[in-house]
Protein backbone atom coordinates (compact mmCIF):
# COMPACT_ATOMS: atom_id res chain seq x y z
CA MET A 1 43.29 -6.92 -8.46
CA PHE A 2 42.48 -7.66 -4.79
CA LYS A 3 38.83 -8.58 -4.29
CA ARG A 4 37.21 -7.66 -0.96
CA LYS A 5 35.71 -10.61 0.89
CA LYS A 6 31.97 -10.57 1.39
CA ILE A 7 30.68 -9.95 4.90
CA GLY A 8 29.03 -13.39 5.04
CA GLN A 9 32.34 -15.15 4.37
CA LEU A 10 34.09 -13.06 7.03
CA LEU A 11 31.39 -13.94 9.57
CA ILE A 12 31.79 -17.64 8.81
CA GLU A 13 35.59 -17.39 9.15
CA ALA A 14 35.14 -15.67 12.52
CA GLY A 15 32.86 -18.50 13.66
CA HIS A 16 29.89 -16.17 14.24
CA VAL A 17 27.50 -17.94 11.81
CA GLY A 18 27.43 -21.20 9.90
CA GLU A 19 26.89 -21.93 6.22
CA LYS A 20 23.32 -23.06 6.88
CA GLU A 21 22.37 -19.85 8.73
CA LEU A 22 24.01 -17.69 6.06
CA ASN A 23 22.11 -19.44 3.23
CA ILE A 24 18.81 -19.00 5.06
CA ALA A 25 19.62 -15.32 5.59
CA LEU A 26 20.60 -14.83 1.93
CA ALA A 27 17.26 -16.28 0.82
CA GLU A 28 15.44 -14.04 3.30
CA GLN A 29 17.46 -11.02 2.15
CA LYS A 30 15.88 -11.21 -1.30
CA LYS A 31 12.43 -10.82 0.31
CA ARG A 32 13.33 -8.10 2.80
CA GLY A 33 15.71 -6.02 0.67
CA LYS A 34 18.00 -5.32 3.63
CA ARG A 35 21.72 -5.77 4.19
CA ILE A 36 22.76 -9.31 5.04
CA GLY A 37 24.09 -8.34 8.48
CA GLN A 38 20.77 -6.78 9.43
CA VAL A 39 18.88 -9.87 8.22
CA LEU A 40 21.14 -12.18 10.26
CA ILE A 41 20.45 -10.08 13.36
CA GLU A 42 16.69 -10.05 12.75
CA LEU A 43 16.70 -13.84 12.33
CA GLY A 44 18.51 -14.21 15.66
CA TYR A 45 21.67 -15.75 14.15
CA LEU A 46 23.94 -12.84 15.01
CA THR A 47 24.28 -9.97 17.47
CA GLU A 48 25.38 -6.43 16.67
CA ASP A 49 28.45 -6.58 18.90
CA LYS A 50 29.78 -9.45 16.77
CA LEU A 51 28.78 -7.92 13.43
CA LEU A 52 30.28 -4.43 13.76
CA PRO A 53 33.98 -5.40 14.24
CA ILE A 54 33.74 -7.75 11.24
CA LEU A 55 31.96 -5.08 9.19
CA GLY A 56 34.71 -2.62 10.13
CA LYS A 57 37.32 -5.13 9.00
CA GLN A 58 35.58 -5.53 5.64
CA LEU A 59 35.29 -1.76 5.13
CA LYS A 60 38.81 -1.15 6.50
CA VAL A 61 37.59 1.25 9.19
CA PRO A 62 38.08 0.82 12.95
CA PHE A 63 35.29 -0.28 15.26
CA VAL A 64 34.86 2.04 18.26
CA ASP A 65 32.94 1.14 21.42
CA LEU A 66 31.51 4.52 22.47
CA SER A 67 30.79 3.29 26.00
CA LYS A 68 34.53 3.15 26.64
CA ILE A 69 35.57 6.62 25.48
CA GLU A 70 35.01 10.21 26.59
CA ILE A 71 34.18 12.90 24.03
CA SER A 72 35.15 16.47 24.84
CA PRO A 73 32.64 19.34 24.46
CA GLU A 74 35.05 21.07 22.03
CA VAL A 75 35.01 18.07 19.68
CA LEU A 76 31.21 17.81 19.95
CA LYS A 77 30.83 21.39 18.73
CA MET A 78 32.61 20.56 15.46
CA VAL A 79 29.48 18.81 14.07
CA PRO A 80 25.96 20.26 14.51
CA GLU A 81 23.49 18.12 16.45
CA LYS A 82 21.04 18.15 13.53
CA ILE A 83 23.61 16.48 11.25
CA CYS A 84 24.51 13.94 13.95
CA ARG A 85 20.90 12.86 14.34
CA LYS A 86 20.01 12.90 10.65
CA HIS A 87 23.03 10.86 9.54
CA ILE A 88 23.44 8.80 12.77
CA LEU A 89 27.00 9.86 13.54
CA VAL A 90 28.98 11.52 16.32
CA PRO A 91 32.39 13.27 16.42
CA ILE A 92 34.80 11.24 18.57
CA SER A 93 38.20 12.94 18.66
CA PHE A 94 40.32 15.66 17.00
CA ASP A 95 44.14 15.68 16.99
CA GLY A 96 44.55 19.08 15.33
CA LYS A 97 44.61 17.62 11.83
CA SER A 98 42.12 14.76 11.65
CA LEU A 99 38.58 14.54 13.03
CA MET A 100 37.39 11.00 13.80
CA ILE A 101 33.67 10.47 13.16
CA GLY A 102 31.78 7.44 14.52
CA MET A 103 29.13 6.35 12.01
CA ALA A 104 26.42 3.73 11.81
CA ASP A 105 26.97 3.78 8.02
CA PRO A 106 30.60 4.56 7.11
CA LEU A 107 29.68 4.42 3.41
CA ASP A 108 27.79 7.74 3.67
CA VAL A 109 30.61 9.63 1.90
CA PHE A 110 28.58 12.72 1.03
CA ILE A 111 28.21 13.81 4.64
CA ILE A 112 31.93 13.16 5.18
CA ASP A 113 32.72 15.65 2.41
CA GLU A 114 30.39 18.20 4.03
CA ILE A 115 32.01 17.81 7.48
CA GLN A 116 35.50 18.12 5.95
CA PHE A 117 34.49 21.33 4.16
CA GLN A 118 32.90 22.85 7.29
CA ASN A 119 35.89 22.11 9.54
CA ASN A 120 38.67 22.42 6.95
CA CYS A 121 40.28 19.21 8.14
CA GLU A 122 40.61 15.54 7.23
CA VAL A 123 37.85 13.23 8.45
CA VAL A 124 38.60 9.68 9.56
CA ARG A 125 35.68 7.26 9.67
CA ALA A 126 34.92 4.68 12.37
CA ILE A 127 32.01 2.27 12.68
CA CYS A 128 29.87 2.42 15.83
CA SER A 129 26.64 0.98 17.18
CA GLU A 130 23.60 2.97 16.04
CA ASN A 131 22.12 2.83 19.52
CA GLN A 132 25.39 3.91 21.16
CA ILE A 133 25.49 6.88 18.80
CA ALA A 134 21.92 7.86 19.74
CA ASP A 135 22.60 7.48 23.48
CA THR A 136 25.89 9.39 23.25
CA THR A 137 24.23 12.17 21.25
CA ASP A 138 21.43 12.43 23.82
CA LYS A 139 23.80 12.49 26.78
CA LEU A 140 26.31 14.97 25.41
CA TYR A 141 23.98 17.40 23.68
CA VAL A 142 21.49 17.39 26.60
CA ALA A 143 24.36 18.11 29.03
CA GLY A 144 25.51 21.01 26.85
CA ALA A 145 22.00 22.35 26.38
CA MET A 146 21.36 22.00 30.11
CA ALA A 147 24.40 24.10 31.00
CA ASP A 148 23.48 26.75 28.42
CA ALA A 149 19.87 26.77 29.60
CA LEU A 150 20.78 27.28 33.26
CA SER A 151 23.06 30.19 32.42
CA ALA A 152 20.35 31.78 30.26
CA MET A 153 17.53 31.40 32.79
CA GLY A 154 16.17 33.96 35.18
CA ALA A 155 15.29 33.31 38.77
CA GLY A 156 12.16 31.23 38.11
CA ASP A 157 10.37 32.63 41.18
CA GLU A 158 7.28 30.93 42.57
CA ASP A 159 5.60 34.33 42.72
CA LEU A 160 4.70 35.01 39.13
CA GLY A 161 4.23 38.74 39.40
CA GLY A 162 4.52 40.88 36.27
CA GLY A 163 8.32 41.11 36.18
CA ALA A 164 8.92 37.45 37.09
CA LEU A 165 6.35 36.26 34.52
CA ASP A 166 7.95 38.36 31.78
CA GLY A 167 11.37 37.00 32.73
CA LEU A 168 10.12 33.43 32.72
CA LYS A 169 8.48 33.83 29.33
CA LYS A 170 11.64 35.39 27.93
CA ALA A 171 13.80 32.58 29.37
CA SER A 172 11.52 29.93 27.86
CA GLU A 173 11.98 31.53 24.45
CA GLU A 174 15.78 31.67 24.70
CA THR A 175 17.63 29.40 22.28
CA PRO A 176 19.17 27.17 25.03
CA ILE A 177 15.75 26.32 26.50
CA ILE A 178 14.28 25.72 23.04
CA LYS A 179 17.22 23.44 22.28
CA LEU A 180 16.85 21.53 25.55
CA VAL A 181 13.12 20.87 25.11
CA ASN A 182 13.64 19.89 21.47
CA LEU A 183 16.34 17.44 22.55
CA VAL A 184 13.98 15.78 25.03
CA LEU A 185 11.21 15.46 22.41
CA THR A 186 13.53 14.28 19.63
CA SER A 187 15.22 11.69 21.84
CA ALA A 188 11.83 10.25 22.84
CA VAL A 189 10.69 9.94 19.22
CA GLN A 190 14.00 8.34 18.20
CA LYS A 191 13.66 5.73 20.92
CA GLY A 192 10.12 4.82 19.91
CA ALA A 193 8.47 6.07 23.11
CA SER A 194 4.70 6.40 23.37
CA ASP A 195 4.75 8.87 26.30
CA ILE A 196 7.15 11.36 27.88
CA HIS A 197 6.92 12.11 31.62
CA ILE A 198 8.71 15.24 32.83
CA GLU A 199 8.37 14.99 36.59
CA PRO A 200 9.91 16.99 39.44
CA ASP A 201 10.95 15.26 42.62
CA GLU A 202 12.94 16.23 45.69
CA GLY A 203 16.19 17.66 44.36
CA GLU A 204 15.77 16.36 40.80
CA LEU A 205 13.90 16.77 37.52
CA ARG A 206 13.38 13.37 35.95
CA VAL A 207 12.48 12.48 32.35
CA ARG A 208 10.93 9.04 31.93
CA LEU A 209 9.83 7.42 28.67
CA ARG A 210 7.21 4.73 28.19
CA ILE A 211 8.70 2.29 25.70
CA ASP A 212 6.87 -0.93 24.81
CA GLY A 213 4.52 -0.38 27.73
CA SER A 214 7.24 0.02 30.40
CA LEU A 215 8.52 3.25 31.97
CA LEU A 216 12.28 3.82 31.84
CA VAL A 217 14.32 6.74 33.21
CA ALA A 218 15.83 8.43 30.15
CA MET A 219 17.63 11.41 31.67
CA ASN A 220 17.87 13.65 34.72
CA LEU A 221 17.79 17.43 34.27
CA GLN A 222 18.73 20.11 36.76
CA PRO A 223 15.67 20.91 38.95
CA GLU A 224 16.33 24.64 38.42
CA ALA A 225 15.31 24.15 34.78
CA LEU A 226 11.70 23.16 35.66
CA PRO A 227 10.04 26.62 35.38
CA SER A 228 11.57 27.39 31.99
CA VAL A 229 11.06 23.87 30.61
CA MET A 230 7.40 23.86 31.66
CA SER A 231 6.89 27.36 30.26
CA ARG A 232 8.38 26.31 26.94
CA ILE A 233 6.09 23.26 26.76
CA LYS A 234 3.08 25.41 27.66
CA ILE A 235 3.88 28.00 25.01
CA LEU A 236 4.27 25.28 22.36
CA SER A 237 0.97 23.65 23.35
CA GLY A 238 -1.06 26.85 23.74
CA MET A 239 -1.46 26.78 27.53
CA ASP A 240 -1.45 29.60 30.08
CA ILE A 241 2.12 29.85 31.44
CA SER A 242 1.01 31.94 34.41
CA GLU A 243 -1.32 29.20 35.71
CA ARG A 244 0.41 26.54 37.82
CA ARG A 245 -2.39 25.63 40.24
CA ILE A 246 -4.73 23.63 38.01
CA PRO A 247 -4.31 20.91 35.34
CA GLN A 248 -4.10 22.06 31.72
CA ASP A 249 -4.30 20.29 28.35
CA GLY A 250 -2.81 21.20 24.99
CA ARG A 251 -1.29 19.93 21.78
CA ILE A 252 2.06 20.35 20.01
CA GLN A 253 2.67 19.71 16.31
CA MET A 254 6.26 19.29 15.14
CA VAL A 255 8.34 17.66 12.42
CA ILE A 256 10.98 15.37 13.93
CA MET A 257 13.35 13.24 11.84
CA ASP A 258 11.36 14.32 8.75
CA LYS A 259 8.15 12.89 10.24
CA PRO A 260 5.05 14.85 11.36
CA ILE A 261 4.59 14.23 15.09
CA ASP A 262 1.75 15.33 17.38
CA PHE A 263 2.18 15.55 21.15
CA ARG A 264 -0.95 15.51 23.31
CA VAL A 265 0.12 17.40 26.42
CA SER A 266 -1.24 17.30 29.98
CA THR A 267 0.13 19.18 33.00
CA ILE A 268 -0.77 18.75 36.68
CA PRO A 269 0.46 20.44 39.87
CA THR A 270 2.41 18.14 42.24
CA ALA A 271 4.10 18.60 45.60
CA TRP A 272 7.45 19.40 43.94
CA GLY A 273 6.16 21.51 41.04
CA GLU A 274 4.31 20.94 37.79
CA LYS A 275 4.51 17.60 36.00
CA ALA A 276 3.99 17.21 32.25
CA CYS A 277 2.95 14.10 30.34
CA LEU A 278 3.21 14.14 26.54
CA ARG A 279 1.52 11.38 24.50
CA ILE A 280 3.43 10.91 21.22
CA LEU A 281 1.29 10.45 18.12
CA ASP A 282 3.43 9.48 15.13
CA LYS A 283 1.39 10.20 12.00
CA SER A 284 3.66 7.98 9.91
CA ASN A 285 2.28 4.97 11.82
CA VAL A 286 -1.33 5.61 10.80
CA ASN A 287 -1.49 3.55 7.63
CA VAL A 288 -0.86 0.27 9.39
CA ALA A 289 -1.81 -2.88 7.48
CA LEU A 290 -4.18 -5.37 9.08
CA ASP A 291 -1.91 -8.28 8.16
CA SER A 292 0.92 -6.74 10.21
CA MET A 293 -1.07 -6.64 13.47
CA GLY A 294 0.05 -10.09 14.65
CA PHE A 295 -3.26 -11.94 14.19
CA ALA A 296 -2.98 -15.73 14.08
CA PRO A 297 -4.06 -17.08 10.64
CA GLU A 298 -7.44 -18.36 11.86
CA ASN A 299 -8.19 -15.09 13.70
CA TYR A 300 -7.11 -13.02 10.70
CA THR A 301 -9.47 -15.00 8.45
CA LYS A 302 -12.40 -14.42 10.80
CA LEU A 303 -11.73 -10.68 11.05
CA GLN A 304 -11.30 -10.31 7.29
CA LYS A 305 -14.65 -12.02 6.75
CA ALA A 306 -16.33 -9.71 9.28
CA ILE A 307 -15.01 -6.43 7.83
CA ALA A 308 -16.04 -7.53 4.34
CA SER A 309 -19.69 -7.69 5.49
CA PRO A 310 -22.04 -4.91 4.32
CA ASN A 311 -23.61 -4.52 7.77
CA GLY A 312 -23.25 -5.65 11.37
CA MET A 313 -21.08 -4.78 14.36
CA CYS A 314 -17.37 -5.45 14.98
CA LEU A 315 -16.18 -4.66 18.49
CA VAL A 316 -12.60 -4.36 19.75
CA THR A 317 -12.11 -4.63 23.48
CA GLY A 318 -9.24 -4.43 25.93
CA PRO A 319 -7.68 -2.15 28.56
CA THR A 320 -6.25 1.31 27.88
CA GLY A 321 -3.03 1.06 25.88
CA SER A 322 -3.78 -2.33 24.36
CA GLY A 323 -3.84 -1.04 20.77
CA LYS A 324 -7.61 -0.99 20.21
CA THR A 325 -7.57 2.26 18.20
CA THR A 326 -4.69 1.01 16.05
CA THR A 327 -6.65 -2.16 15.24
CA LEU A 328 -9.73 -0.13 14.32
CA TYR A 329 -7.65 2.13 12.05
CA ALA A 330 -6.13 -0.97 10.42
CA CYS A 331 -9.65 -2.29 9.72
CA LEU A 332 -10.69 1.07 8.22
CA ASN A 333 -7.51 1.21 6.12
CA ALA A 334 -8.38 -2.21 4.72
CA ILE A 335 -11.82 -1.12 3.46
CA LYS A 336 -11.53 2.64 2.81
CA GLY A 337 -11.62 4.08 -0.69
CA PRO A 338 -13.40 6.56 -2.96
CA ASP A 339 -16.45 4.28 -3.19
CA THR A 340 -17.03 3.96 0.58
CA ASN A 341 -18.45 6.62 2.92
CA ILE A 342 -16.75 6.11 6.30
CA CYS A 343 -17.63 8.32 9.28
CA THR A 344 -15.91 8.20 12.68
CA VAL A 345 -16.60 9.87 16.01
CA GLU A 346 -13.60 9.96 18.35
CA ASN A 347 -12.40 11.57 21.55
CA PRO A 348 -9.97 12.89 20.52
CA VAL A 349 -9.25 12.49 16.80
CA GLU A 350 -5.65 11.32 17.15
CA TYR A 351 -4.83 10.75 13.48
CA LYS A 352 -6.39 12.24 10.37
CA LEU A 353 -7.13 9.62 7.71
CA LYS A 354 -7.74 10.10 4.00
CA PHE A 355 -11.20 9.15 2.63
CA ILE A 356 -12.61 9.16 6.18
CA ASN A 357 -14.90 11.80 7.73
CA GLN A 358 -13.78 12.22 11.32
CA VAL A 359 -15.63 14.10 14.06
CA GLN A 360 -14.29 14.92 17.51
CA VAL A 361 -16.74 15.01 20.41
CA ARG A 362 -17.04 18.28 22.33
CA PRO A 363 -19.09 17.71 25.50
CA GLU A 364 -19.01 21.42 26.39
CA ILE A 365 -21.38 22.12 23.48
CA ASP A 366 -23.30 18.82 23.80
CA LEU A 367 -21.52 17.33 20.79
CA ASN A 368 -21.27 13.85 22.30
CA PHE A 369 -21.09 10.33 20.88
CA SER A 370 -24.85 9.79 20.69
CA THR A 371 -25.50 13.20 19.08
CA VAL A 372 -22.88 12.62 16.38
CA LEU A 373 -24.08 9.04 15.78
CA ARG A 374 -27.63 10.26 15.15
CA ALA A 375 -26.28 12.84 12.71
CA PHE A 376 -24.22 10.17 10.94
CA LEU A 377 -27.36 8.21 10.11
CA ARG A 378 -28.47 11.18 8.00
CA GLN A 379 -25.11 11.32 6.18
CA ASP A 380 -25.58 8.20 4.01
CA PRO A 381 -22.73 6.27 5.67
CA ASP A 382 -21.52 2.82 4.63
CA VAL A 383 -19.24 2.40 7.64
CA ILE A 384 -19.37 4.01 11.09
CA MET A 385 -16.64 3.89 13.71
CA LEU A 386 -17.06 5.22 17.23
CA GLY A 387 -14.13 5.51 19.60
CA GLU A 388 -15.93 4.05 22.59
CA ILE A 389 -19.38 2.84 23.64
CA ARG A 390 -19.88 4.50 27.02
CA ASP A 391 -23.60 4.51 27.75
CA GLU A 392 -26.94 2.90 26.95
CA GLU A 393 -27.98 5.57 24.44
CA THR A 394 -24.75 5.26 22.39
CA ALA A 395 -24.93 1.45 22.53
CA GLY A 396 -28.53 1.46 21.35
CA ILE A 397 -27.87 3.76 18.38
CA ALA A 398 -24.78 1.78 17.37
CA VAL A 399 -26.70 -1.52 17.39
CA GLU A 400 -29.57 0.13 15.50
CA ALA A 401 -27.13 1.35 12.84
CA ALA A 402 -25.62 -2.13 12.51
CA LEU A 403 -29.08 -3.60 11.94
CA THR A 404 -30.11 -1.01 9.32
CA GLY A 405 -27.47 -1.64 6.68
CA HIS A 406 -24.30 -0.15 8.16
CA LEU A 407 -21.00 -1.73 9.15
CA VAL A 408 -20.20 -0.47 12.65
CA PHE A 409 -16.85 -0.57 14.45
CA ALA A 410 -16.48 0.37 18.12
CA THR A 411 -14.44 -0.24 21.27
CA LEU A 412 -15.59 -1.30 24.70
CA HIS A 413 -13.73 -1.82 27.99
CA THR A 414 -14.18 -5.50 28.93
CA ASN A 415 -11.78 -8.33 29.77
CA ASP A 416 -12.59 -10.78 26.99
CA ALA A 417 -14.70 -11.26 23.87
CA PRO A 418 -17.65 -13.23 25.35
CA SER A 419 -18.21 -10.78 28.23
CA THR A 420 -18.42 -7.94 25.67
CA ALA A 421 -21.69 -9.23 24.24
CA ILE A 422 -23.07 -9.64 27.79
CA ARG A 423 -21.92 -6.10 28.63
CA LEU A 424 -24.06 -4.63 25.83
CA VAL A 425 -27.10 -6.46 27.23
CA ASP A 426 -26.25 -5.17 30.74
CA MET A 427 -26.13 -1.63 29.29
CA GLY A 428 -29.80 -1.95 28.38
CA VAL A 429 -29.71 -3.11 24.74
CA GLU A 430 -32.26 -5.86 24.04
CA PRO A 431 -30.53 -9.30 23.81
CA PHE A 432 -32.18 -10.17 20.48
CA LEU A 433 -30.81 -6.89 18.99
CA VAL A 434 -27.28 -7.61 20.25
CA SER A 435 -27.39 -11.18 18.91
CA SER A 436 -28.63 -10.00 15.51
CA ALA A 437 -26.09 -7.18 15.19
CA PHE A 438 -22.78 -8.72 16.22
CA LEU A 439 -20.37 -10.04 13.57
CA CYS A 440 -17.22 -10.50 15.61
CA ILE A 441 -15.64 -9.35 18.84
CA VAL A 442 -11.87 -8.95 19.18
CA SER A 443 -10.29 -8.92 22.64
CA GLN A 444 -6.74 -7.61 22.46
CA ARG A 445 -3.59 -7.24 24.55
CA LEU A 446 0.02 -6.33 23.76
CA ALA A 447 2.96 -8.48 24.86
CA ARG A 448 6.58 -7.40 24.77
CA ARG A 449 8.50 -8.94 21.89
CA VAL A 450 11.89 -10.61 22.35
CA CYS A 451 14.57 -8.22 21.06
CA LYS A 452 15.72 -9.49 17.66
CA PHE A 453 19.12 -7.84 18.11
CA CYS A 454 20.13 -9.86 21.19
CA LYS A 455 17.80 -12.85 20.79
CA ASP A 456 19.35 -16.05 22.17
CA VAL A 457 18.24 -19.55 23.09
CA ASP A 458 16.49 -19.55 26.48
CA THR A 459 18.02 -22.23 28.69
CA THR A 460 15.91 -21.32 31.73
CA VAL A 461 12.68 -22.92 30.48
CA THR A 462 11.87 -25.95 32.66
CA PRO A 463 9.19 -28.65 32.37
CA GLU A 464 7.44 -27.02 35.35
CA ILE A 465 7.19 -23.69 33.50
CA LEU A 466 5.81 -25.43 30.42
CA VAL A 467 3.16 -27.20 32.51
CA ASP A 468 2.19 -23.84 34.08
CA LEU A 469 1.79 -22.52 30.54
CA GLY A 470 -0.54 -25.41 29.72
CA LEU A 471 1.99 -27.25 27.55
CA PRO A 472 2.92 -30.92 27.92
CA PRO A 473 6.32 -31.77 29.53
CA GLU A 474 7.63 -33.09 26.19
CA ALA A 475 7.48 -29.50 24.90
CA ILE A 476 10.83 -29.12 26.67
CA ASN A 477 12.34 -30.45 23.44
CA GLY A 478 11.33 -27.22 21.69
CA THR A 479 13.61 -24.21 21.22
CA TYR A 480 12.65 -21.05 23.10
CA TYR A 481 14.21 -17.59 23.08
CA ARG A 482 14.78 -14.52 25.21
CA GLY A 483 16.81 -11.34 24.77
CA LYS A 484 20.19 -11.15 26.52
CA GLY A 485 19.88 -7.37 26.79
CA CYS A 486 21.63 -4.95 24.46
CA GLU A 487 21.86 -1.24 23.69
CA LYS A 488 19.00 -1.34 21.22
CA CYS A 489 16.57 -2.68 23.85
CA ALA A 490 18.00 -0.65 26.76
CA LYS A 491 19.26 -3.91 28.31
CA THR A 492 15.68 -5.16 28.82
CA GLY A 493 15.76 -8.06 26.35
CA TYR A 494 12.55 -6.78 24.74
CA LYS A 495 12.01 -4.46 21.79
CA GLY A 496 8.62 -3.79 20.24
CA ARG A 497 5.35 -5.51 21.06
CA VAL A 498 3.24 -8.21 19.48
CA GLY A 499 -0.55 -8.32 19.45
CA VAL A 500 -2.35 -11.05 21.40
CA HIS A 501 -5.92 -11.68 20.28
CA GLU A 502 -9.12 -13.55 21.00
CA VAL A 503 -11.67 -13.41 18.17
CA MET A 504 -15.26 -14.55 18.72
CA TYR A 505 -17.02 -14.80 15.35
CA THR A 506 -20.78 -14.91 14.94
CA HIS A 507 -22.50 -18.31 15.11
CA GLU A 508 -26.12 -19.38 15.49
CA ASN A 509 -25.43 -21.09 18.81
CA LEU A 510 -23.83 -17.95 20.23
CA ARG A 511 -26.71 -15.77 19.01
CA ARG A 512 -29.21 -18.06 20.71
CA MET A 513 -27.25 -18.04 23.99
CA ILE A 514 -27.09 -14.21 23.98
CA ILE A 515 -30.88 -14.07 23.61
CA GLN A 516 -31.17 -16.53 26.52
CA LYS A 517 -29.03 -14.18 28.66
CA VAL A 518 -26.53 -16.85 29.63
CA GLY A 519 -23.51 -15.91 31.74
CA PRO A 520 -20.16 -14.95 30.16
CA ASP A 521 -18.52 -18.23 31.25
CA ASP A 522 -21.15 -20.33 29.45
CA LEU A 523 -20.84 -18.15 26.36
CA LYS A 524 -17.04 -18.48 26.48
CA ASN A 525 -17.16 -22.26 26.81
CA GLU A 526 -19.40 -22.52 23.74
CA ALA A 527 -17.20 -20.13 21.76
CA VAL A 528 -14.15 -22.24 22.63
CA ARG A 529 -16.01 -25.40 21.61
CA LEU A 530 -16.73 -23.71 18.28
CA GLY A 531 -13.02 -23.03 17.73
CA MET A 532 -12.25 -19.72 19.48
CA LYS A 533 -8.67 -19.46 20.80
CA CYS A 534 -8.49 -17.60 24.12
CA LEU A 535 -5.97 -14.82 24.83
CA LYS A 536 -3.73 -17.20 26.76
CA ASP A 537 -3.83 -19.76 23.93
CA ASP A 538 -2.68 -17.09 21.49
CA ILE A 539 0.19 -15.78 23.62
CA VAL A 540 1.39 -19.33 24.40
CA VAL A 541 1.62 -19.97 20.65
CA LYS A 542 3.60 -16.75 20.26
CA PHE A 543 5.92 -17.95 23.05
CA GLN A 544 6.42 -21.24 21.18
CA GLN A 545 7.21 -19.23 18.04
CA GLY A 546 9.99 -17.42 19.92
CA LEU A 547 8.24 -14.04 19.88
CA THR A 548 7.88 -13.57 23.64
CA THR A 549 8.75 -15.09 27.01
CA PRO A 550 6.99 -17.01 29.82
CA GLU A 551 7.10 -13.85 31.95
CA GLU A 552 4.88 -12.06 29.44
CA VAL A 553 2.46 -15.02 29.38
CA PHE A 554 2.19 -14.99 33.18
CA ALA A 555 1.83 -11.18 33.22
CA LEU A 556 -1.14 -11.40 30.85
CA ALA A 557 -2.72 -14.13 32.99
CA ARG A 558 -2.33 -11.99 36.15
CA ALA A 559 -3.82 -8.92 34.43
CA ASP A 560 -6.91 -10.91 33.44
């Protein structure tokens, strides 16, 4: 009986990988529990465009490059969008007898049977890039939904009198508009975006997504759709659809791809109409483990020691969007349990966590950070977390709590760890109280990670670049990487982000210097002498490990 060759052997025969790389990947596969092709890609030994044709050969199905074909609207209608997204497939062509389906996983035979039954025809499988399927699905279904939405809409008059308002509300609740807005939201979640910007401009309605910290244009809608799209978003988020002159805020809760997703929504009036920004809060990302945050071993050890303390203060600092809240949640996840009373005060409460009592501030009724903190001290807490220290009163209460038997976590907006301690003193907290309370201070940034799907040896690194990074010229003998740009990373060469950290752990010398009110530079120099690695030191190490690029190192240096 003919025995099918294993994918690893086929890749070796094609010259895409060597025996050594395959053996390393096979050993790694046992740890990761993934398919060998995926492991080879993640290790940087293989790219998807080389894997898929070989995988198709092994499975005896054709490989189809979706960027080179055109799919008709009639064929698209043969498979519902929901099935396409759930099973990562797309109908490609129909000859009257056979329907060709492009699939990321051609072995998913159950859905093939379902499609055959629904269309009463034979189904022929093809293997396609997962990202090409997602992009094709977005493009084709959005185009169809856009056409349906425009035909279903009313006039969308600027004058929202009674009749026009009723017509606009009705249009926003029509199935085509619902479908269009759902497509925009689903596409953003699929692509791992953190924010969606729906913004009108002269003659266009643009949708941009913030992915890994950078804004990318995802799609362009017809500008005529703006009134109905905005009305639909406002209805979902509980806003007033008749009010276009002032900013509004709201919240949407949905289940997308079987995951509970929250959207924090903000609208503002602009010169070309209302703009919406939706912050995506993926609840499935809440239970992040501290050991997956990208801390260097020595920094991880310091932080672990700090959060195991019964009392004291741990501060996380950095600019907006640097992952401070995620780090705090990871710390709380590491210590929470039925035997620990943890109380948090946040603005807003973005994720609800089990075994944690969370309070959202409400300034309109004087429920602010300091008020809640005072109440916490009467709630027998073991651990207190506050979203941000903003004023002298809040800082004073937090330090007092840390000195009276509580473990306190908080965030602060400063550039580095040493200046954070000085900032608390500048806010009016007595230096001897700050020095007694602090356990460790984490300064954090996020750097874009080299895409593992198109990772390749970087031949552009020169001795001059290495010297600028603070490395010796002989470091040119090292191997460095960058992404070539592929569909999975939207041709950017980056996918995902890696944490960059600076951890200043408590020490008697540092305590004494805080009491003496030394400047941040002197405090930093002493912390470095005691073993602290600065932000740049950490990101340079991550560059040497092949996780990021010189451009990201220089970007961090410019930002600081």
